[in-house]
């Protein structure tokens, strides 16, 4: 095993839609992504294509607004169809609407927090590599970003 094959550091982030793992090598970062519905993707970002400059921003998951709207409609439907005097079909619709509202509440709870992203830039100032501070390795986020910057300077 050569030095080029030995990973320097690893980092795993987890968002609602995707889980990504980053493996830092002396000359590259390999990114493996697994989406919620089963699709996977692997890509390699060369450190020579990046600069140590970065931007930082916070993003709220786009599913948050959808869960809020759909959950509101589900609660309204559950209340309307759950009124006394309705037929048995309305009671079933009300139950389904309450279940949908609960699912939307879970998605809302998972996505309401804004997630910090660090974007490492290419020499032309465009995005090169985005890293989210979220998931099982959240405590090692700063350490991994610093290791990537250190390797970029050495490359």
N, C-alpha and C. Protein backbone atom coordinates (compact mmCIF):
# COMPACT_ATOMS: atom_id res chain seq x y z
N UNK A 1 0.84 -1.17 0.00
CA UNK A 1 0.00 0.00 0.00
C UNK A 1 0.89 1.24 0.00
N UNK A 2 0.70 2.11 -0.98
CA UNK A 2 1.52 3.32 -1.07
C UNK A 2 0.91 4.44 -0.24
N UNK A 3 1.66 5.54 -0.12
CA UNK A 3 1.16 6.69 0.63
C UNK A 3 -0.08 7.29 -0.02
N UNK A 4 -0.20 7.17 -1.34
CA UNK A 4 -1.35 7.72 -2.06
C UNK A 4 -2.62 6.93 -1.73
N UNK A 5 -2.49 5.68 -1.27
CA UNK A 5 -3.64 4.84 -0.98
C UNK A 5 -4.08 4.88 0.48
N UNK A 6 -3.26 5.48 1.33
CA UNK A 6 -3.58 5.54 2.75
C UNK A 6 -4.42 6.79 3.06
N UNK A 7 -5.63 6.62 3.58
CA UNK A 7 -6.44 7.79 3.91
C UNK A 7 -5.87 8.56 5.09
N UNK A 8 -5.95 9.88 4.99
CA UNK A 8 -5.47 10.76 6.06
C UNK A 8 -6.56 10.97 7.09
N UNK A 9 -7.79 11.17 6.62
CA UNK A 9 -8.91 11.43 7.51
C UNK A 9 -10.21 11.03 6.82
N UNK A 10 -11.23 10.77 7.62
CA UNK A 10 -12.55 10.48 7.09
C UNK A 10 -13.58 11.31 7.82
N UNK A 11 -14.70 11.55 7.17
CA UNK A 11 -15.79 12.31 7.77
C UNK A 11 -17.10 11.83 7.16
N UNK A 12 -18.11 11.65 7.98
CA UNK A 12 -19.43 11.24 7.50
C UNK A 12 -20.45 12.27 7.94
N UNK A 13 -21.24 12.73 6.97
CA UNK A 13 -22.32 13.65 7.28
C UNK A 13 -23.64 12.98 6.93
N UNK A 14 -24.69 13.40 7.61
CA UNK A 14 -26.00 12.81 7.37
C UNK A 14 -27.05 13.90 7.37
N UNK A 15 -27.69 14.06 6.24
CA UNK A 15 -28.83 14.96 6.11
C UNK A 15 -30.05 14.07 5.87
N UNK A 16 -31.23 14.64 5.84
CA UNK A 16 -32.43 13.82 5.68
C UNK A 16 -32.42 13.07 4.36
N UNK A 17 -32.04 13.71 3.27
CA UNK A 17 -32.11 13.09 1.95
C UNK A 17 -30.88 12.26 1.61
N UNK A 18 -29.73 12.60 2.16
CA UNK A 18 -28.48 11.98 1.71
C UNK A 18 -27.52 11.79 2.88
N UNK A 19 -26.75 10.73 2.78
CA UNK A 19 -25.66 10.47 3.72
C UNK A 19 -24.39 10.43 2.87
N UNK A 20 -23.42 11.26 3.22
CA UNK A 20 -22.17 11.31 2.44
C UNK A 20 -20.99 10.99 3.34
N UNK A 21 -20.05 10.25 2.77
CA UNK A 21 -18.80 9.99 3.49
C UNK A 21 -17.65 10.54 2.65
N UNK A 22 -16.74 11.20 3.33
CA UNK A 22 -15.59 11.83 2.69
C UNK A 22 -14.34 11.12 3.19
N UNK A 23 -13.48 10.76 2.25
CA UNK A 23 -12.20 10.12 2.60
C UNK A 23 -11.12 11.00 2.00
N UNK A 24 -10.27 11.56 2.87
CA UNK A 24 -9.20 12.46 2.45
C UNK A 24 -7.93 11.66 2.21
N UNK A 25 -7.39 11.79 1.02
CA UNK A 25 -6.11 11.20 0.64
C UNK A 25 -5.12 12.34 0.40
N UNK A 26 -3.83 12.07 0.24
CA UNK A 26 -2.86 13.15 0.04
C UNK A 26 -3.15 14.03 -1.18
N UNK A 27 -3.79 13.49 -2.21
CA UNK A 27 -4.01 14.26 -3.43
C UNK A 27 -5.47 14.45 -3.82
N UNK A 28 -6.41 13.89 -3.04
CA UNK A 28 -7.81 13.93 -3.44
C UNK A 28 -8.74 13.69 -2.25
N UNK A 29 -10.02 14.00 -2.48
CA UNK A 29 -11.08 13.65 -1.53
C UNK A 29 -12.09 12.80 -2.30
N UNK A 30 -12.34 11.61 -1.80
CA UNK A 30 -13.35 10.75 -2.41
C UNK A 30 -14.64 10.91 -1.64
N UNK A 31 -15.73 11.14 -2.38
CA UNK A 31 -17.04 11.38 -1.78
C UNK A 31 -17.97 10.25 -2.22
N UNK A 32 -18.57 9.60 -1.24
CA UNK A 32 -19.57 8.57 -1.52
C UNK A 32 -20.89 9.03 -0.93
N UNK A 33 -21.92 9.12 -1.79
CA UNK A 33 -23.23 9.58 -1.36
C UNK A 33 -24.26 8.48 -1.52
N UNK A 34 -25.13 8.35 -0.52
CA UNK A 34 -26.25 7.41 -0.58
C UNK A 34 -27.52 8.19 -0.27
N UNK A 35 -28.43 8.22 -1.25
CA UNK A 35 -29.66 8.97 -1.06
C UNK A 35 -30.71 8.13 -0.35
N UNK A 36 -31.71 8.78 0.18
CA UNK A 36 -32.77 8.16 0.95
C UNK A 36 -33.48 7.05 0.18
N UNK A 37 -33.70 7.24 -1.10
CA UNK A 37 -34.43 6.26 -1.90
C UNK A 37 -33.52 5.21 -2.54
N UNK A 38 -32.26 5.13 -2.10
CA UNK A 38 -31.39 4.04 -2.51
C UNK A 38 -30.35 4.35 -3.56
N UNK A 39 -30.41 5.48 -4.23
CA UNK A 39 -29.43 5.81 -5.25
C UNK A 39 -28.08 6.13 -4.59
N UNK A 40 -27.00 5.71 -5.23
CA UNK A 40 -25.66 6.00 -4.72
C UNK A 40 -24.83 6.68 -5.80
N UNK A 41 -23.82 7.42 -5.35
CA UNK A 41 -22.94 8.11 -6.28
C UNK A 41 -21.57 8.26 -5.61
N UNK A 42 -20.53 8.09 -6.40
CA UNK A 42 -19.16 8.28 -5.92
C UNK A 42 -18.46 9.26 -6.85
N UNK A 43 -17.74 10.19 -6.26
CA UNK A 43 -16.98 11.16 -7.06
C UNK A 43 -15.65 11.43 -6.37
N UNK A 44 -14.72 11.94 -7.13
CA UNK A 44 -13.41 12.29 -6.60
C UNK A 44 -13.14 13.76 -6.90
N UNK A 45 -12.71 14.49 -5.88
CA UNK A 45 -12.34 15.90 -6.03
C UNK A 45 -10.84 15.99 -5.81
N UNK A 46 -10.14 16.43 -6.82
CA UNK A 46 -8.68 16.60 -6.72
C UNK A 46 -8.37 17.83 -5.88
N UNK A 47 -7.42 17.69 -4.97
CA UNK A 47 -7.03 18.82 -4.12
C UNK A 47 -6.36 19.92 -4.93
N UNK A 48 -5.76 19.56 -6.06
CA UNK A 48 -5.14 20.57 -6.91
C UNK A 48 -6.19 21.47 -7.58
N UNK A 49 -7.45 21.03 -7.58
CA UNK A 49 -8.54 21.83 -8.14
C UNK A 49 -9.17 22.77 -7.11
N UNK A 50 -8.68 22.74 -5.86
CA UNK A 50 -9.25 23.54 -4.77
C UNK A 50 -8.23 24.53 -4.23
N UNK A 51 -8.74 25.56 -3.58
CA UNK A 51 -7.90 26.47 -2.81
C UNK A 51 -8.30 26.33 -1.34
N UNK A 52 -7.49 26.86 -0.45
CA UNK A 52 -7.81 26.80 0.98
C UNK A 52 -8.87 27.83 1.36
N UNK A 53 -9.24 28.70 0.40
CA UNK A 53 -10.29 29.69 0.68
C UNK A 53 -11.64 28.98 0.78
N UNK A 54 -12.50 29.52 1.62
CA UNK A 54 -13.81 28.90 1.78
C UNK A 54 -14.85 29.95 2.12
N UNK A 55 -16.08 29.57 1.94
CA UNK A 55 -17.21 30.38 2.42
C UNK A 55 -18.00 29.51 3.37
N UNK A 56 -18.75 30.15 4.23
CA UNK A 56 -19.56 29.44 5.21
C UNK A 56 -20.98 29.96 5.10
N UNK A 57 -21.93 29.06 5.14
CA UNK A 57 -23.33 29.47 5.07
C UNK A 57 -24.18 28.44 5.80
N UNK A 58 -25.40 28.86 6.14
CA UNK A 58 -26.33 28.00 6.85
C UNK A 58 -27.54 27.77 5.96
N UNK A 59 -27.99 26.53 5.89
CA UNK A 59 -29.10 26.17 5.02
C UNK A 59 -30.12 25.37 5.82
N UNK A 60 -31.37 25.74 5.65
CA UNK A 60 -32.46 24.94 6.21
C UNK A 60 -32.93 24.00 5.10
N UNK A 61 -33.18 22.77 5.43
CA UNK A 61 -33.57 21.76 4.46
C UNK A 61 -34.85 22.19 3.74
N UNK A 62 -34.87 21.97 2.43
CA UNK A 62 -36.01 22.41 1.63
C UNK A 62 -37.27 21.61 1.94
N UNK A 63 -37.14 20.45 2.53
CA UNK A 63 -38.31 19.66 2.90
C UNK A 63 -39.06 20.26 4.07
N UNK A 64 -38.44 21.18 4.81
CA UNK A 64 -39.07 21.78 5.97
C UNK A 64 -40.34 22.52 5.58
N UNK A 65 -40.28 23.35 4.55
CA UNK A 65 -41.46 24.12 4.14
C UNK A 65 -42.55 23.20 3.62
N UNK A 66 -42.16 22.19 2.86
CA UNK A 66 -43.14 21.24 2.34
C UNK A 66 -43.83 20.48 3.47
N UNK A 67 -43.06 20.05 4.46
CA UNK A 67 -43.64 19.33 5.59
C UNK A 67 -44.58 20.23 6.38
N UNK A 68 -44.24 21.50 6.51
CA UNK A 68 -45.09 22.45 7.24
C UNK A 68 -46.42 22.64 6.51
N UNK A 69 -46.37 22.85 5.21
CA UNK A 69 -47.59 23.06 4.43
C UNK A 69 -48.45 21.80 4.41
N UNK A 70 -47.84 20.67 4.06
CA UNK A 70 -48.60 19.42 4.00
C UNK A 70 -49.14 19.01 5.37
N UNK A 71 -48.37 19.22 6.40
CA UNK A 71 -48.83 18.92 7.75
C UNK A 71 -50.00 19.78 8.16
N UNK A 72 -49.97 21.05 7.78
CA UNK A 72 -51.10 21.95 8.08
C UNK A 72 -52.36 21.49 7.38
N UNK A 73 -52.24 21.14 6.11
CA UNK A 73 -53.40 20.62 5.38
C UNK A 73 -53.90 19.31 5.98
N UNK A 74 -52.98 18.46 6.40
CA UNK A 74 -53.38 17.18 6.99
C UNK A 74 -54.12 17.39 8.30
N UNK A 75 -53.65 18.31 9.14
CA UNK A 75 -54.35 18.59 10.40
C UNK A 75 -55.73 19.16 10.11
N UNK A 76 -55.82 20.09 9.16
CA UNK A 76 -57.12 20.67 8.80
C UNK A 76 -58.07 19.58 8.30
N UNK A 77 -57.59 18.69 7.45
CA UNK A 77 -58.44 17.61 6.94
C UNK A 77 -58.86 16.68 8.06
N UNK A 78 -57.94 16.37 8.97
CA UNK A 78 -58.27 15.48 10.09
C UNK A 78 -59.35 16.09 10.98
N UNK A 79 -59.26 17.38 11.22
CA UNK A 79 -60.27 18.05 12.06
C UNK A 79 -61.61 18.09 11.35
N UNK A 80 -61.63 18.45 10.08
CA UNK A 80 -62.89 18.55 9.33
C UNK A 80 -63.55 17.18 9.20
N UNK A 81 -62.80 16.17 8.81
CA UNK A 81 -63.39 14.85 8.60
C UNK A 81 -63.64 14.09 9.91
N UNK A 82 -63.05 14.54 10.99
CA UNK A 82 -63.21 13.86 12.28
C UNK A 82 -64.36 14.40 13.11
N UNK A 83 -65.11 15.36 12.59
CA UNK A 83 -66.24 15.90 13.35
C UNK A 83 -67.31 14.82 13.58
N UNK A 84 -68.02 14.95 14.68
CA UNK A 84 -69.09 13.97 14.95
C UNK A 84 -70.19 14.06 13.89
N UNK A 85 -70.83 12.94 13.64
CA UNK A 85 -71.94 12.91 12.70
C UNK A 85 -71.52 12.57 11.28
N UNK A 86 -70.26 12.44 11.04
CA UNK A 86 -69.78 12.06 9.72
C UNK A 86 -69.90 10.55 9.57
N UNK A 87 -69.85 10.09 8.35
CA UNK A 87 -69.94 8.66 8.09
C UNK A 87 -68.64 7.95 8.46
N UNK A 88 -68.66 6.62 8.42
CA UNK A 88 -67.45 5.85 8.77
C UNK A 88 -66.29 6.12 7.82
N UNK A 89 -66.57 6.45 6.58
CA UNK A 89 -65.50 6.76 5.63
C UNK A 89 -64.75 8.01 6.07
N UNK A 90 -65.49 8.99 6.62
CA UNK A 90 -64.86 10.24 7.06
C UNK A 90 -63.94 9.99 8.26
N UNK A 91 -64.33 9.06 9.13
CA UNK A 91 -63.49 8.74 10.28
C UNK A 91 -62.17 8.10 9.81
N UNK A 92 -62.26 7.26 8.78
CA UNK A 92 -61.04 6.64 8.23
C UNK A 92 -60.15 7.69 7.57
N UNK A 93 -60.77 8.60 6.85
CA UNK A 93 -60.00 9.69 6.23
C UNK A 93 -59.34 10.53 7.30
N UNK A 94 -60.06 10.80 8.39
CA UNK A 94 -59.49 11.58 9.49
C UNK A 94 -58.29 10.87 10.11
N UNK A 95 -58.39 9.55 10.28
CA UNK A 95 -57.28 8.79 10.84
C UNK A 95 -56.06 8.85 9.92
N UNK A 96 -56.28 8.69 8.62
CA UNK A 96 -55.18 8.77 7.65
C UNK A 96 -54.55 10.16 7.68
N UNK A 97 -55.39 11.19 7.80
CA UNK A 97 -54.88 12.56 7.85
C UNK A 97 -54.04 12.79 9.10
N UNK A 98 -54.47 12.22 10.26
CA UNK A 98 -53.67 12.37 11.48
C UNK A 98 -52.32 11.66 11.34
N UNK A 99 -52.31 10.51 10.68
CA UNK A 99 -51.05 9.80 10.46
C UNK A 99 -50.14 10.63 9.54
N UNK A 100 -50.72 11.20 8.49
CA UNK A 100 -49.94 12.06 7.59
C UNK A 100 -49.39 13.27 8.33
N UNK A 101 -50.21 13.85 9.21
CA UNK A 101 -49.76 15.01 9.99
C UNK A 101 -48.61 14.62 10.92
N UNK A 102 -48.68 13.44 11.51
CA UNK A 102 -47.60 12.98 12.38
C UNK A 102 -46.31 12.77 11.59
N UNK A 103 -46.43 12.19 10.40
CA UNK A 103 -45.24 12.01 9.54
C UNK A 103 -44.64 13.36 9.17
N UNK A 104 -45.48 14.31 8.83
CA UNK A 104 -44.99 15.65 8.50
C UNK A 104 -44.33 16.30 9.72
N UNK A 105 -44.88 16.05 10.89
CA UNK A 105 -44.28 16.58 12.12
C UNK A 105 -42.89 16.01 12.36
N UNK A 106 -42.70 14.73 12.08
CA UNK A 106 -41.38 14.12 12.22
C UNK A 106 -40.38 14.72 11.24
N UNK A 107 -40.81 14.89 9.99
CA UNK A 107 -39.93 15.50 8.98
C UNK A 107 -39.60 16.94 9.39
N UNK A 108 -40.60 17.65 9.87
CA UNK A 108 -40.39 19.04 10.30
C UNK A 108 -39.39 19.11 11.46
N UNK A 109 -39.53 18.21 12.41
CA UNK A 109 -38.59 18.20 13.55
C UNK A 109 -37.17 17.91 13.10
N UNK A 110 -37.03 17.08 12.09
CA UNK A 110 -35.69 16.69 11.60
C UNK A 110 -35.06 17.77 10.72
N UNK A 111 -35.89 18.65 10.12
CA UNK A 111 -35.36 19.60 9.14
C UNK A 111 -35.44 21.06 9.56
N UNK A 112 -35.99 21.37 10.71
CA UNK A 112 -36.17 22.77 11.08
C UNK A 112 -34.85 23.47 11.41
N UNK A 113 -33.87 22.72 11.90
CA UNK A 113 -32.57 23.30 12.26
C UNK A 113 -31.77 23.66 11.01
N UNK A 114 -31.15 24.82 11.04
CA UNK A 114 -30.27 25.21 9.93
C UNK A 114 -28.94 24.47 10.06
N UNK A 115 -28.43 23.99 8.94
CA UNK A 115 -27.19 23.22 8.92
C UNK A 115 -26.07 24.11 8.39
N UNK A 116 -24.95 24.07 9.08
CA UNK A 116 -23.77 24.84 8.67
C UNK A 116 -23.03 24.08 7.57
N UNK A 117 -22.73 24.80 6.49
CA UNK A 117 -21.95 24.25 5.39
C UNK A 117 -20.67 25.06 5.24
N UNK A 118 -19.58 24.39 4.94
CA UNK A 118 -18.33 25.04 4.55
C UNK A 118 -18.08 24.65 3.11
N UNK A 119 -17.93 25.64 2.26
CA UNK A 119 -17.68 25.40 0.83
C UNK A 119 -16.25 25.79 0.52
N UNK A 120 -15.45 24.81 0.13
CA UNK A 120 -14.09 25.08 -0.32
C UNK A 120 -14.16 25.49 -1.78
N UNK A 121 -13.44 26.55 -2.11
CA UNK A 121 -13.55 27.16 -3.43
C UNK A 121 -12.45 26.70 -4.38
N UNK A 122 -12.77 26.75 -5.66
CA UNK A 122 -11.78 26.51 -6.71
C UNK A 122 -11.04 27.82 -6.95
N UNK A 123 -9.94 27.80 -7.69
CA UNK A 123 -9.19 29.03 -7.95
C UNK A 123 -10.02 30.13 -8.63
N UNK A 124 -11.03 29.74 -9.42
CA UNK A 124 -11.86 30.75 -10.08
C UNK A 124 -12.96 31.29 -9.18
N UNK A 125 -13.01 30.85 -7.93
CA UNK A 125 -13.99 31.35 -6.97
C UNK A 125 -15.30 30.57 -6.94
N UNK A 126 -15.43 29.58 -7.80
CA UNK A 126 -16.64 28.77 -7.84
C UNK A 126 -16.55 27.64 -6.81
N UNK A 127 -17.69 27.02 -6.54
CA UNK A 127 -17.76 25.95 -5.55
C UNK A 127 -16.92 24.76 -5.97
N UNK A 128 -16.20 24.21 -5.01
CA UNK A 128 -15.38 23.03 -5.29
C UNK A 128 -15.80 21.83 -4.47
N UNK A 129 -16.04 22.04 -3.17
CA UNK A 129 -16.41 20.95 -2.27
C UNK A 129 -17.22 21.53 -1.12
N UNK A 130 -18.41 21.00 -0.92
CA UNK A 130 -19.28 21.41 0.19
C UNK A 130 -19.25 20.35 1.28
N UNK A 131 -19.13 20.80 2.52
CA UNK A 131 -19.15 19.90 3.67
C UNK A 131 -20.20 20.42 4.66
N UNK A 132 -21.07 19.53 5.13
CA UNK A 132 -22.12 19.91 6.08
C UNK A 132 -21.75 19.45 7.48
N UNK A 133 -22.00 20.30 8.45
CA UNK A 133 -21.75 19.96 9.84
C UNK A 133 -23.02 19.32 10.40
N UNK A 134 -23.18 18.04 10.08
CA UNK A 134 -24.38 17.32 10.47
C UNK A 134 -24.10 15.83 10.42
N UNK A 135 -24.65 15.09 11.35
CA UNK A 135 -24.51 13.65 11.29
C UNK A 135 -23.67 13.07 12.39
N UNK A 136 -23.23 11.84 12.21
CA UNK A 136 -22.54 11.12 13.29
C UNK A 136 -21.15 11.67 13.63
N UNK A 137 -20.49 12.32 12.67
CA UNK A 137 -19.14 12.84 12.91
C UNK A 137 -19.13 14.34 13.17
N UNK A 138 -20.23 14.89 13.64
CA UNK A 138 -20.35 16.34 13.80
C UNK A 138 -19.24 16.91 14.69
N UNK A 139 -18.77 16.17 15.66
CA UNK A 139 -17.73 16.65 16.57
C UNK A 139 -16.37 16.76 15.87
N UNK A 140 -16.19 16.00 14.79
CA UNK A 140 -14.91 16.02 14.08
C UNK A 140 -14.94 16.92 12.84
N UNK A 141 -15.98 17.71 12.67
CA UNK A 141 -16.14 18.53 11.47
C UNK A 141 -14.98 19.51 11.29
N UNK A 142 -14.70 20.30 12.31
CA UNK A 142 -13.62 21.31 12.22
C UNK A 142 -12.28 20.65 11.95
N UNK A 143 -12.05 19.53 12.59
CA UNK A 143 -10.79 18.79 12.40
C UNK A 143 -10.65 18.32 10.95
N UNK A 144 -11.73 17.82 10.37
CA UNK A 144 -11.67 17.34 8.99
C UNK A 144 -11.47 18.49 8.01
N UNK A 145 -12.18 19.60 8.21
CA UNK A 145 -12.01 20.77 7.33
C UNK A 145 -10.57 21.28 7.41
N UNK A 146 -10.01 21.32 8.61
CA UNK A 146 -8.62 21.77 8.78
C UNK A 146 -7.66 20.81 8.08
N UNK A 147 -7.93 19.51 8.15
CA UNK A 147 -7.06 18.53 7.48
C UNK A 147 -7.13 18.70 5.96
N UNK A 148 -8.32 18.96 5.43
CA UNK A 148 -8.45 19.17 3.99
C UNK A 148 -7.67 20.43 3.58
N UNK A 149 -7.82 21.51 4.35
CA UNK A 149 -7.09 22.76 4.03
C UNK A 149 -5.57 22.53 4.09
N UNK A 150 -5.15 21.79 5.06
CA UNK A 150 -3.71 21.50 5.21
C UNK A 150 -3.21 20.73 3.99
N UNK A 151 -3.97 19.76 3.53
CA UNK A 151 -3.56 18.98 2.37
C UNK A 151 -3.60 19.79 1.10
N UNK A 152 -4.55 20.72 1.01
CA UNK A 152 -4.61 21.60 -0.18
C UNK A 152 -3.35 22.46 -0.25
N UNK A 153 -2.92 22.98 0.88
CA UNK A 153 -1.72 23.80 0.90
C UNK A 153 -0.47 22.99 0.54
N UNK A 154 -0.44 21.72 0.91
CA UNK A 154 0.71 20.85 0.62
C UNK A 154 0.70 20.35 -0.83
N UNK A 155 -0.49 20.29 -1.42
CA UNK A 155 -0.61 19.74 -2.79
C UNK A 155 -0.04 20.68 -3.83
